[in-house]
Amino acid sequence: MRTAYSVETVRNAERELMARLPEGALMQRAAAGLAAACARVLARVAGRVYGSRVVLLVGSGDNGGDALYAGARLARRGAGVTAVLLAPERAHGGGLTALRRAGGRVAEGGASGSAEELIARADLVLDGIVGIGGAGGLRKEAVPLADAAARSRAAVVAVDLPSGVDADTGRVRGDVVRADLTVTFGTHKPGLLIDPAREYAGSVRLVDIGLPLPGEAAELEALQHPDVARLLPVPAGESDKYRRGVVGIAAGSARYPGAAVLAVAGALRGGAGAVRYVGPAGDAVIARFPETLVSDQGPERAGRVQAWVVGPGAGDDAATVAQVLAAEVPVLIDADGLRLAEADAVRARTAPTLMTPHAGEAAALLGVGREEVEAARLASVRELAARYGATVLLKGSTTLVASAKGGPVRVNATGTSWLATAGSGDVLSGLAGSLLAAGLSAVDAGSVGAYLHGLAGRFAAAGAPAGAHDVAAAIPRAWRDVRGE
């Protein structure tokens, strides 16, 4: 599992470690890992380190020192390294001395035309402008350098995180550096895992520098294949459909029968033993999935279920939503259900509740503009979870899952932009609802469901358009991939 920590926690851990190490040792650890990553990039883009051209963009903080020491290591391997100093009087003295002794050059003057020409000819640009304490976008003098790096053919490597993004929140407020690779030290920072900042980080490589980080202080968690494999419900020899879990799907309408079909499709592949469907799209559901248990009696008389999914394609059926919310089993609320559910009824529930809005639906629930949710996804998902007393899965290019009880927010990035297709969210609802019925907690059901759904989207699309039904059909492949089968 990958974890991410706040800037304050990282700073405290750095101070604790530096107190036990010789002066400068921690920066040398970071620089060594950074230089090694840059050497691998140069081998790919230039064919070698010796004779390659490297430009360091150096600010006044420790990130600038990391860049200078890494540049010195590359220079000793024969790279032509030039440092562009944005604040010459505040550049790291030890790093500058090391670079010059290794044969590197220093070009003062920041965003001068000569600096931009250097960048245009570079094989690699190392972004050490601003560290993890920066926020609010790049300063004016750094913008032309970032623009030149974006226009160049050079590989752009960011030191710890791209300069200008907010490390703690993932917000982007102004101009930032767009990296091909970010080499981060000690731990991931939230901004490297959450959009919109994640979009600017490129690939992320973690360099272990020995930070003593307390597990309980993590801000984010990102599940990996082994984590998901441990959580997947696997039937035992004596299992029957009730031991595996029965999920109820209250979805669809005369106008949107497809939402019911797609939610059932996701649920059938989510690990539960059976799927009960309640709603006006029973004929469409049974025609596509004859194994579904279809009822026209309403949720209260549908029979035994261990979790409900309500809302996809429900139109204005507030009565069904209210009946499902009154059930004493876990409930997943999606789509129209989010609009129809009474906030007090959600808060009054004692069984687990999982809400699954996209940014527009989250904005409506919070009473803010969609752009505000998209700019501050971490704050938005936490606010929704606290306000409704529920676990909230905020959909997007990076899906976030937050518990009303607090703790680390789960982040998932297995998805693909091809998942932005009608009905994809209905499949996710059925899948996650089935995991709830199989006994997973709301946080686990949401994060495992998002993980499998994202993988299925990748398998279904494979670089080409795919429909929601293709995503549902690919869930078993994602399941097997996670389990290594």
Protein backbone atom coordinates (compact mmCIF):
# COMPACT_ATOMS: atom_id res chain seq x y z
CA MET A 1 0.00 0.00 0.00
CA ARG A 2 1.27 3.44 -0.89
CA THR A 3 0.79 6.15 1.71
CA ALA A 4 1.05 9.92 1.59
CA TYR A 5 1.78 12.31 4.44
CA SER A 6 1.25 16.00 5.00
CA VAL A 7 4.07 18.51 4.72
CA GLU A 8 4.02 19.07 8.49
CA THR A 9 4.43 15.36 9.21
CA VAL A 10 7.24 15.07 6.66
CA ARG A 11 9.04 18.09 8.09
CA ASN A 12 8.82 16.70 11.61
CA ALA A 13 10.19 13.34 10.46
CA GLU A 14 13.03 15.07 8.61
CA ARG A 15 14.02 17.02 11.72
CA GLU A 16 13.95 13.87 13.83
CA LEU A 17 16.14 12.01 11.35
CA MET A 18 18.58 14.87 10.77
CA ALA A 19 19.19 15.08 14.50
CA ARG A 20 20.63 11.55 14.34
CA LEU A 21 22.64 11.93 11.12
CA PRO A 22 25.80 13.86 10.20
CA GLU A 23 25.09 17.30 8.78
CA GLY A 24 24.02 17.14 5.15
CA ALA A 25 23.65 13.35 5.09
CA LEU A 26 19.90 13.43 4.47
CA MET A 27 20.25 15.73 1.47
CA GLN A 28 22.99 13.50 0.08
CA ARG A 29 20.66 10.49 0.34
CA ALA A 30 18.00 12.36 -1.59
CA ALA A 31 20.48 13.62 -4.19
CA ALA A 32 21.88 10.15 -4.77
CA GLY A 33 18.44 8.72 -5.49
CA LEU A 34 17.57 11.71 -7.66
CA ALA A 35 20.77 11.44 -9.69
CA ALA A 36 20.23 7.71 -10.23
CA ALA A 37 16.70 8.34 -11.52
CA CYS A 38 17.94 11.09 -13.83
CA ALA A 39 20.69 8.81 -15.16
CA ARG A 40 18.05 6.23 -16.10
CA VAL A 41 16.04 8.90 -17.89
CA LEU A 42 19.12 10.12 -19.78
CA ALA A 43 19.95 6.59 -20.84
CA ARG A 44 16.50 6.40 -22.37
CA VAL A 45 16.25 9.83 -24.02
CA ALA A 46 19.90 10.49 -24.93
CA GLY A 47 21.31 6.97 -24.99
CA ARG A 48 23.88 7.77 -22.31
CA VAL A 49 24.77 10.06 -19.41
CA TYR A 50 28.22 11.01 -20.73
CA GLY A 51 27.91 13.94 -23.10
CA SER A 52 24.24 14.58 -22.38
CA ARG A 53 23.00 18.10 -21.60
CA VAL A 54 21.31 18.79 -18.28
CA VAL A 55 19.79 22.06 -17.06
CA LEU A 56 19.02 22.56 -13.38
CA LEU A 57 16.31 25.06 -12.45
CA VAL A 58 17.37 26.03 -8.95
CA GLY A 59 15.33 27.89 -6.37
CA SER A 60 16.31 28.96 -2.90
CA GLY A 61 15.06 26.00 -0.86
CA ASP A 62 16.26 22.50 -0.11
CA ASN A 63 14.86 21.29 -3.43
CA GLY A 64 17.39 23.56 -5.11
CA GLY A 65 20.13 21.97 -2.99
CA ASP A 66 18.94 18.49 -3.97
CA ALA A 67 19.05 19.50 -7.63
CA LEU A 68 22.58 20.95 -7.31
CA TYR A 69 24.00 17.89 -5.56
CA ALA A 70 22.30 15.59 -8.06
CA GLY A 71 23.66 17.74 -10.87
CA ALA A 72 27.18 17.36 -9.43
CA ARG A 73 26.83 13.58 -9.50
CA LEU A 74 25.72 13.69 -13.13
CA ALA A 75 28.57 16.03 -14.01
CA ARG A 76 31.08 13.59 -12.52
CA ARG A 77 29.66 11.00 -14.92
CA GLY A 78 30.40 13.25 -17.88
CA ALA A 79 27.12 15.08 -18.36
CA GLY A 80 27.25 18.76 -19.30
CA VAL A 81 25.35 20.33 -16.40
CA THR A 82 24.31 23.96 -16.15
CA ALA A 83 22.43 25.41 -13.19
CA VAL A 84 20.05 28.32 -13.73
CA LEU A 85 19.74 30.17 -10.42
CA LEU A 86 16.45 31.95 -9.80
CA ALA A 87 17.70 33.47 -6.54
CA PRO A 88 21.54 33.50 -6.77
CA GLU A 89 22.03 35.10 -3.37
CA ARG A 90 19.99 32.36 -1.66
CA ALA A 91 21.10 29.29 -3.60
CA HIS A 92 22.39 26.37 -1.54
CA GLY A 93 26.06 27.06 -0.93
CA GLY A 94 27.23 23.49 -0.47
CA GLY A 95 25.36 22.34 -3.56
CA LEU A 96 26.84 25.13 -5.68
CA THR A 97 30.36 24.30 -4.54
CA ALA A 98 29.83 20.60 -5.30
CA LEU A 99 28.49 21.37 -8.77
CA ARG A 100 31.38 23.66 -9.67
CA ARG A 101 33.98 21.18 -8.37
CA ALA A 102 32.41 18.48 -10.54
CA GLY A 103 32.76 20.67 -13.63
CA GLY A 104 29.23 21.99 -13.77
CA ARG A 105 28.45 25.54 -14.80
CA VAL A 106 26.25 28.22 -13.28
CA ALA A 107 24.12 30.62 -15.32
CA GLU A 108 22.73 33.40 -13.18
CA GLY A 109 19.92 35.62 -14.29
CA GLY A 110 16.89 33.39 -13.98
CA ALA A 111 14.53 33.70 -16.91
CA SER A 112 16.91 35.39 -19.32
CA GLY A 113 16.83 34.49 -22.99
CA SER A 114 20.07 32.58 -22.60
CA ALA A 115 18.50 30.36 -19.94
CA GLU A 116 15.61 29.55 -22.24
CA GLU A 117 18.08 28.69 -25.01
CA LEU A 118 19.88 26.32 -22.65
CA ILE A 119 16.58 24.60 -21.89
CA ALA A 120 15.75 24.32 -25.59
CA ARG A 121 18.99 22.37 -26.19
CA ALA A 122 18.78 20.20 -23.06
CA ASP A 123 18.21 16.47 -22.88
CA LEU A 124 16.93 16.75 -19.32
CA VAL A 125 15.59 19.62 -17.21
CA LEU A 126 15.62 19.17 -13.45
CA ASP A 127 12.96 21.20 -11.64
CA GLY A 128 14.25 22.32 -8.25
CA ILE A 129 12.47 25.67 -8.18
CA VAL A 130 10.04 25.26 -5.27
CA GLY A 131 9.81 22.61 -2.55
CA ILE A 132 6.93 21.00 -0.71
CA GLY A 133 6.31 24.16 1.29
CA GLY A 134 5.38 26.18 -1.79
CA ALA A 135 1.83 27.05 -2.80
CA GLY A 136 0.01 29.41 -5.08
CA GLY A 137 1.72 28.69 -8.37
CA LEU A 138 5.08 29.79 -9.74
CA ARG A 139 6.44 33.26 -9.23
CA LYS A 140 6.54 35.49 -12.28
CA GLU A 141 10.26 35.06 -12.94
CA ALA A 142 9.96 31.26 -13.04
CA VAL A 143 7.07 31.06 -15.51
CA PRO A 144 9.15 31.57 -18.70
CA LEU A 145 11.47 28.77 -17.59
CA ALA A 146 8.57 26.39 -17.00
CA ASP A 147 7.12 27.35 -20.39
CA ALA A 148 10.48 26.78 -22.08
CA ALA A 149 10.75 23.34 -20.47
CA ALA A 150 7.26 22.45 -21.69
CA ARG A 151 8.14 23.53 -25.25
CA SER A 152 11.46 21.69 -25.28
CA ARG A 153 12.14 18.11 -26.20
CA ALA A 154 13.86 17.57 -22.88
CA ALA A 155 12.61 15.14 -20.27
CA VAL A 156 11.44 17.16 -17.26
CA VAL A 157 12.15 15.66 -13.84
CA ALA A 158 10.66 17.29 -10.74
CA VAL A 159 12.41 17.23 -7.38
CA ASP A 160 9.96 15.92 -4.74
CA LEU A 161 6.95 17.40 -6.56
CA PRO A 162 6.35 19.73 -9.53
CA SER A 163 7.02 23.32 -8.57
CA GLY A 164 3.87 25.35 -8.03
CA VAL A 165 1.44 22.59 -6.99
CA ASP A 166 0.11 22.36 -3.44
CA ALA A 167 1.70 19.34 -1.76
CA ASP A 168 -1.02 18.84 0.85
CA THR A 169 -4.17 19.29 -1.22
CA GLY A 170 -3.36 18.65 -4.86
CA ARG A 171 -4.67 22.10 -5.78
CA VAL A 172 -3.19 24.07 -8.66
CA ARG A 173 -3.43 27.84 -8.28
CA GLY A 174 -1.56 29.35 -11.21
CA ASP A 175 1.34 28.32 -13.42
CA VAL A 176 3.17 25.11 -12.50
CA VAL A 177 5.88 22.88 -13.93
CA ARG A 178 4.64 19.87 -15.89
CA ALA A 179 6.97 16.92 -15.23
CA ASP A 180 7.49 13.66 -17.06
CA LEU A 181 8.86 12.13 -13.86
CA THR A 182 8.68 13.20 -10.24
CA VAL A 183 11.27 11.79 -7.84
CA THR A 184 9.87 12.14 -4.34
CA PHE A 185 11.69 11.50 -1.08
CA GLY A 186 10.70 9.51 2.00
CA THR A 187 7.00 9.26 1.21
CA HIS A 188 4.43 10.31 -1.33
CA LYS A 189 2.84 13.69 -0.85
CA PRO A 190 -0.95 14.00 -1.27
CA GLY A 191 -0.55 16.31 -4.27
CA LEU A 192 1.23 13.54 -6.17
CA LEU A 193 -1.79 11.25 -5.90
CA ILE A 194 -4.73 13.65 -6.28
CA ASP A 195 -5.84 15.56 -9.35
CA PRO A 196 -5.48 18.18 -10.59
CA ALA A 197 -1.87 18.21 -9.29
CA ARG A 198 -1.29 14.53 -10.12
CA GLU A 199 -1.71 15.37 -13.79
CA TYR A 200 1.47 17.48 -13.62
CA ALA A 201 3.62 14.91 -11.82
CA GLY A 202 4.01 12.38 -14.62
CA SER A 203 5.36 9.06 -13.39
CA VAL A 204 6.28 9.08 -9.70
CA ARG A 205 9.32 7.33 -8.24
CA LEU A 206 9.77 7.10 -4.47
CA VAL A 207 13.28 7.27 -2.99
CA ASP A 208 13.51 5.84 0.53
CA ILE A 209 15.60 8.13 2.72
CA GLY A 210 14.71 6.51 6.03
CA LEU A 211 12.07 8.92 7.35
CA PRO A 212 10.48 7.75 10.63
CA LEU A 213 6.84 8.24 9.61
CA PRO A 214 4.02 7.24 11.99
CA GLY A 215 1.52 5.02 10.19
CA GLU A 216 -1.48 6.55 11.94
CA ALA A 217 -0.61 10.01 10.60
CA ALA A 218 -1.02 9.15 6.90
CA GLU A 219 -3.28 11.50 4.95
CA LEU A 220 -3.86 9.14 2.01
CA GLU A 221 -3.68 5.44 1.23
CA ALA A 222 -3.50 3.91 -2.23
CA LEU A 223 -4.25 0.20 -2.49
CA GLN A 224 -2.05 -1.99 -4.66
CA HIS A 225 -2.74 -5.43 -6.13
CA PRO A 226 -1.73 -7.39 -2.97
CA ASP A 227 -3.92 -5.16 -0.77
CA VAL A 228 -6.94 -5.65 -3.00
CA ALA A 229 -6.30 -9.39 -3.29
CA ARG A 230 -6.44 -9.72 0.52
CA LEU A 231 -9.80 -7.93 0.62
CA LEU A 232 -11.56 -9.77 -2.20
CA PRO A 233 -14.36 -12.04 -0.95
CA VAL A 234 -13.56 -15.63 -1.86
CA PRO A 235 -16.21 -18.32 -1.16
CA ALA A 236 -15.34 -21.18 1.16
CA GLY A 237 -16.28 -24.79 0.53
CA GLU A 238 -19.46 -24.53 2.64
CA SER A 239 -20.61 -21.19 1.19
CA ASP A 240 -24.11 -20.72 -0.15
CA LYS A 241 -25.61 -17.61 -1.74
CA TYR A 242 -26.57 -16.13 1.62
CA ARG A 243 -23.15 -16.71 3.15
CA ARG A 244 -21.65 -15.02 0.11
CA GLY A 245 -24.14 -12.18 0.40
CA VAL A 246 -27.23 -11.09 -1.50
CA VAL A 247 -27.30 -7.57 -2.92
CA GLY A 248 -30.50 -5.73 -3.73
CA ILE A 249 -30.59 -3.33 -6.70
CA ALA A 250 -33.31 -0.66 -6.64
CA ALA A 251 -32.61 1.18 -9.87
CA GLY A 252 -33.88 2.08 -13.29
CA SER A 253 -37.11 3.61 -14.53
CA ALA A 254 -39.28 3.57 -17.63
CA ARG A 255 -37.02 6.26 -19.05
CA TYR A 256 -33.71 4.71 -17.93
CA PRO A 257 -34.04 0.91 -17.90
CA GLY A 258 -30.40 0.57 -18.99
CA ALA A 259 -29.17 1.91 -15.65
CA ALA A 260 -30.78 -1.06 -13.92
CA VAL A 261 -29.27 -3.54 -16.38
CA LEU A 262 -25.78 -2.07 -15.96
CA ALA A 263 -26.00 -1.92 -12.15
CA VAL A 264 -27.04 -5.58 -12.11
CA ALA A 265 -24.19 -6.39 -14.50
CA GLY A 266 -21.69 -4.88 -12.07
CA ALA A 267 -23.31 -6.58 -9.08
CA LEU A 268 -23.25 -10.04 -10.63
CA ARG A 269 -19.49 -9.74 -11.00
CA GLY A 270 -18.82 -8.34 -7.54
CA GLY A 271 -18.61 -11.46 -5.42
CA ALA A 272 -22.07 -11.65 -3.87
CA GLY A 273 -23.99 -14.90 -4.05
CA ALA A 274 -27.15 -13.49 -5.62
CA VAL A 275 -28.66 -10.28 -6.94
CA ARG A 276 -32.24 -9.21 -6.25
CA TYR A 277 -33.67 -6.55 -8.53
CA VAL A 278 -36.57 -4.27 -7.58
CA GLY A 279 -37.96 -1.73 -10.02
CA PRO A 280 -39.78 -1.09 -13.28
CA ALA A 281 -37.01 -2.50 -15.51
CA GLY A 282 -37.47 -6.12 -14.45
CA ASP A 283 -38.17 -7.39 -17.97
CA ALA A 284 -35.01 -5.78 -19.33
CA VAL A 285 -32.95 -7.15 -16.45
CA ILE A 286 -34.24 -10.72 -16.66
CA ALA A 287 -33.85 -10.76 -20.44
CA ARG A 288 -30.16 -9.93 -20.09
CA PHE A 289 -29.40 -11.70 -16.81
CA PRO A 290 -31.80 -14.57 -16.12
CA GLU A 291 -29.98 -15.48 -12.90
CA THR A 292 -31.26 -12.25 -11.29
CA LEU A 293 -34.02 -12.57 -8.67
CA VAL A 294 -36.61 -10.04 -9.88
CA SER A 295 -39.38 -8.69 -7.66
CA ASP A 296 -42.13 -6.14 -8.23
CA GLN A 297 -43.04 -5.89 -4.52
CA GLY A 298 -40.79 -2.98 -3.60
CA PRO A 299 -37.69 -2.98 -1.37
CA GLU A 300 -39.59 -3.69 1.84
CA ARG A 301 -41.00 -6.97 0.48
CA ALA A 302 -38.22 -8.00 -1.89
CA GLY A 303 -36.81 -10.73 0.32
CA ARG A 304 -33.59 -11.12 2.23
CA VAL A 305 -30.68 -8.90 1.18
CA GLN A 306 -27.40 -8.04 2.92
CA ALA A 307 -26.91 -4.69 1.16
CA TRP A 308 -28.82 -2.36 -1.16
CA VAL A 309 -27.85 -0.22 -4.13
CA VAL A 310 -30.31 2.57 -4.83
CA GLY A 311 -30.50 5.45 -7.27
CA PRO A 312 -29.06 4.67 -10.73
CA GLY A 313 -31.62 5.79 -13.28
CA ALA A 314 -34.28 6.11 -10.58
CA GLY A 315 -35.76 9.32 -11.96
CA ASP A 316 -37.99 10.86 -9.30
CA ASP A 317 -38.80 7.73 -7.31
CA ALA A 318 -38.21 9.25 -3.87
CA ALA A 319 -40.40 6.66 -2.15
CA THR A 320 -38.12 3.76 -3.13
CA VAL A 321 -35.07 5.69 -2.00
CA ALA A 322 -36.69 6.37 1.38
CA GLN A 323 -37.61 2.68 1.81
CA VAL A 324 -34.05 1.58 1.08
CA LEU A 325 -32.58 4.12 3.48
CA ALA A 326 -34.84 2.73 6.22
CA ALA A 327 -33.34 -0.75 5.80
CA GLU A 328 -30.96 -1.94 8.52
CA VAL A 329 -28.31 -3.20 6.09
CA PRO A 330 -25.48 -1.39 4.27
CA VAL A 331 -26.71 0.91 1.49
CA LEU A 332 -24.95 2.43 -1.51
CA ILE A 333 -26.56 5.62 -2.85
CA ASP A 334 -25.75 6.76 -6.38
CA ALA A 335 -26.96 9.03 -9.17
CA ASP A 336 -30.62 10.10 -8.73
CA GLY A 337 -30.58 8.59 -5.26
CA LEU A 338 -28.13 11.26 -4.14
CA ARG A 339 -30.59 13.96 -5.17
CA LEU A 340 -33.63 12.19 -3.69
CA ALA A 341 -32.17 11.05 -0.38
CA GLU A 342 -33.09 13.17 2.62
CA ALA A 343 -29.93 14.30 4.38
CA ASP A 344 -31.44 13.67 7.80
CA ALA A 345 -32.41 10.13 6.79
CA VAL A 346 -28.85 9.43 5.67
CA ARG A 347 -27.39 10.82 8.89
CA ALA A 348 -29.85 8.83 11.00
CA ARG A 349 -28.79 5.48 9.58
CA THR A 350 -26.93 3.11 11.88
CA ALA A 351 -25.86 0.62 9.20
CA PRO A 352 -23.01 1.61 6.84
CA THR A 353 -23.80 4.04 4.03
CA LEU A 354 -21.69 4.57 0.91
CA MET A 355 -22.41 7.58 -1.31
CA THR A 356 -20.86 7.66 -4.78
CA PRO A 357 -21.15 11.12 -6.39
CA HIS A 358 -19.22 12.52 -9.31
CA ALA A 359 -17.96 16.10 -9.06
CA GLY A 360 -21.20 17.65 -10.30
CA GLU A 361 -23.33 15.68 -7.85
CA ALA A 362 -20.90 16.44 -5.01
CA ALA A 363 -21.11 20.14 -5.85
CA ALA A 364 -24.91 20.04 -5.67
CA LEU A 365 -24.79 18.28 -2.29
CA LEU A 366 -22.30 20.81 -0.93
CA GLY A 367 -24.00 23.83 -2.49
CA VAL A 368 -20.90 24.96 -4.39
CA GLY A 369 -19.78 25.13 -8.00
CA ARG A 370 -18.45 22.03 -9.73
CA GLU A 371 -15.15 23.78 -10.40
CA GLU A 372 -14.66 24.24 -6.66
CA VAL A 373 -15.03 20.50 -6.05
CA GLU A 374 -12.68 19.66 -8.91
CA ALA A 375 -10.05 22.11 -7.62
CA ALA A 376 -10.25 20.86 -4.02
CA ARG A 377 -11.17 17.18 -4.28
CA LEU A 378 -9.63 16.10 -0.97
CA ALA A 379 -11.36 18.81 1.06
CA SER A 380 -14.64 18.17 -0.76
CA VAL A 381 -14.79 14.42 -0.12
CA ARG A 382 -13.93 14.92 3.55
CA GLU A 383 -16.59 17.62 3.91
CA LEU A 384 -19.25 15.42 2.32
CA ALA A 385 -18.38 12.46 4.54
CA ALA A 386 -18.56 14.63 7.66
CA ARG A 387 -21.75 16.39 6.61
CA TYR A 388 -23.70 13.20 5.83
CA GLY A 389 -22.12 10.86 8.38
CA ALA A 390 -21.40 8.44 5.54
CA THR A 391 -18.52 7.02 3.59
CA VAL A 392 -18.17 8.99 0.35
CA LEU A 393 -16.62 7.82 -2.90
CA LEU A 394 -15.90 10.86 -5.06
CA LYS A 395 -15.55 9.72 -8.66
CA GLY A 396 -13.02 11.20 -11.03
CA SER A 397 -9.70 10.57 -12.73
CA THR A 398 -8.48 9.82 -9.23
CA THR A 399 -11.26 8.37 -7.10
CA LEU A 400 -11.26 9.33 -3.42
CA VAL A 401 -12.97 7.37 -0.64
CA ALA A 402 -13.41 9.09 2.73
CA SER A 403 -14.96 7.77 5.94
CA ALA A 404 -17.11 9.91 8.20
CA LYS A 405 -14.92 8.63 11.06
CA GLY A 406 -11.87 10.34 9.57
CA GLY A 407 -8.56 8.62 9.02
CA PRO A 408 -6.62 8.32 5.77
CA VAL A 409 -8.56 8.93 2.58
CA ARG A 410 -8.26 6.11 0.07
CA VAL A 411 -7.16 7.20 -3.40
CA ASN A 412 -7.41 5.13 -6.56
CA ALA A 413 -5.83 5.86 -9.93
CA THR A 414 -6.36 2.60 -11.82
CA GLY A 415 -8.98 4.19 -14.04
CA THR A 416 -8.72 5.48 -17.57
CA SER A 417 -10.31 8.42 -19.36
CA TRP A 418 -12.22 5.87 -21.46
CA LEU A 419 -14.35 5.24 -18.35
CA ALA A 420 -15.98 8.63 -18.95
CA THR A 421 -18.88 6.95 -20.73
CA ALA A 422 -22.60 6.68 -20.03
CA GLY A 423 -23.45 3.89 -17.60
CA SER A 424 -19.94 3.34 -16.28
CA GLY A 425 -20.93 4.68 -12.88
CA ASP A 426 -23.92 2.32 -12.76
CA VAL A 427 -21.55 -0.62 -13.20
CA LEU A 428 -19.37 0.70 -10.36
CA SER A 429 -22.42 1.03 -8.09
CA GLY A 430 -23.46 -2.56 -8.64
CA LEU A 431 -19.91 -3.81 -8.17
CA ALA A 432 -19.30 -1.90 -4.93
CA GLY A 433 -22.78 -2.80 -3.65
CA SER A 434 -22.05 -6.47 -4.20
CA LEU A 435 -18.83 -6.10 -2.20
CA LEU A 436 -20.84 -4.51 0.61
CA ALA A 437 -23.20 -7.48 0.60
CA ALA A 438 -20.23 -9.84 0.69
CA GLY A 439 -19.18 -8.28 4.00
CA LEU A 440 -16.63 -5.60 3.15
CA SER A 441 -16.75 -2.32 5.06
CA ALA A 442 -17.98 0.73 3.21
CA VAL A 443 -14.43 2.07 2.81
CA ASP A 444 -13.11 -1.26 1.57
CA ALA A 445 -16.08 -1.87 -0.72
CA GLY A 446 -15.71 1.58 -2.26
CA SER A 447 -11.95 1.45 -2.72
CA VAL A 448 -11.82 -2.18 -3.92
CA GLY A 449 -14.76 -1.53 -6.24
CA ALA A 450 -13.05 1.53 -7.70
CA TYR A 451 -9.80 -0.40 -8.13
CA LEU A 452 -11.43 -3.30 -10.00
CA HIS A 453 -13.64 -0.94 -12.02
CA GLY A 454 -10.61 1.09 -13.12
CA LEU A 455 -8.67 -2.02 -14.12
CA ALA A 456 -11.69 -3.36 -15.98
CA GLY A 457 -11.94 -0.06 -17.84
CA ARG A 458 -8.32 -0.35 -18.92
CA PHE A 459 -8.77 -3.93 -20.07
CA ALA A 460 -12.02 -3.14 -21.89
CA ALA A 461 -10.69 -0.07 -23.68
CA ALA A 462 -7.08 -1.04 -24.40
CA GLY A 463 -6.62 2.37 -26.00
CA ALA A 464 -9.93 2.39 -27.88
CA PRO A 465 -13.50 3.39 -27.03
CA ALA A 466 -15.49 0.98 -24.87
CA GLY A 467 -19.03 1.00 -23.53
CA ALA A 468 -20.17 0.43 -19.97
CA HIS A 469 -21.25 -3.13 -20.81
CA ASP A 470 -17.66 -3.81 -21.98
CA VAL A 471 -16.38 -2.57 -18.61
CA ALA A 472 -18.75 -4.90 -16.74
CA ALA A 473 -17.67 -7.83 -18.88
CA ALA A 474 -14.00 -7.12 -18.09
CA ILE A 475 -14.43 -7.19 -14.29
CA PRO A 476 -13.64 -10.93 -14.03
CA ARG A 477 -10.38 -10.32 -15.89
CA ALA A 478 -9.52 -7.51 -13.46
CA TRP A 479 -10.38 -9.81 -10.54
CA ARG A 480 -8.08 -12.54 -11.88
CA ASP A 481 -5.32 -10.03 -12.58
CA VAL A 482 -5.41 -8.82 -8.98
CA ARG A 483 -5.26 -12.39 -7.69
CA GLY A 484 -2.43 -13.29 -10.05
CA GLU A 485 -4.46 -15.93 -11.84
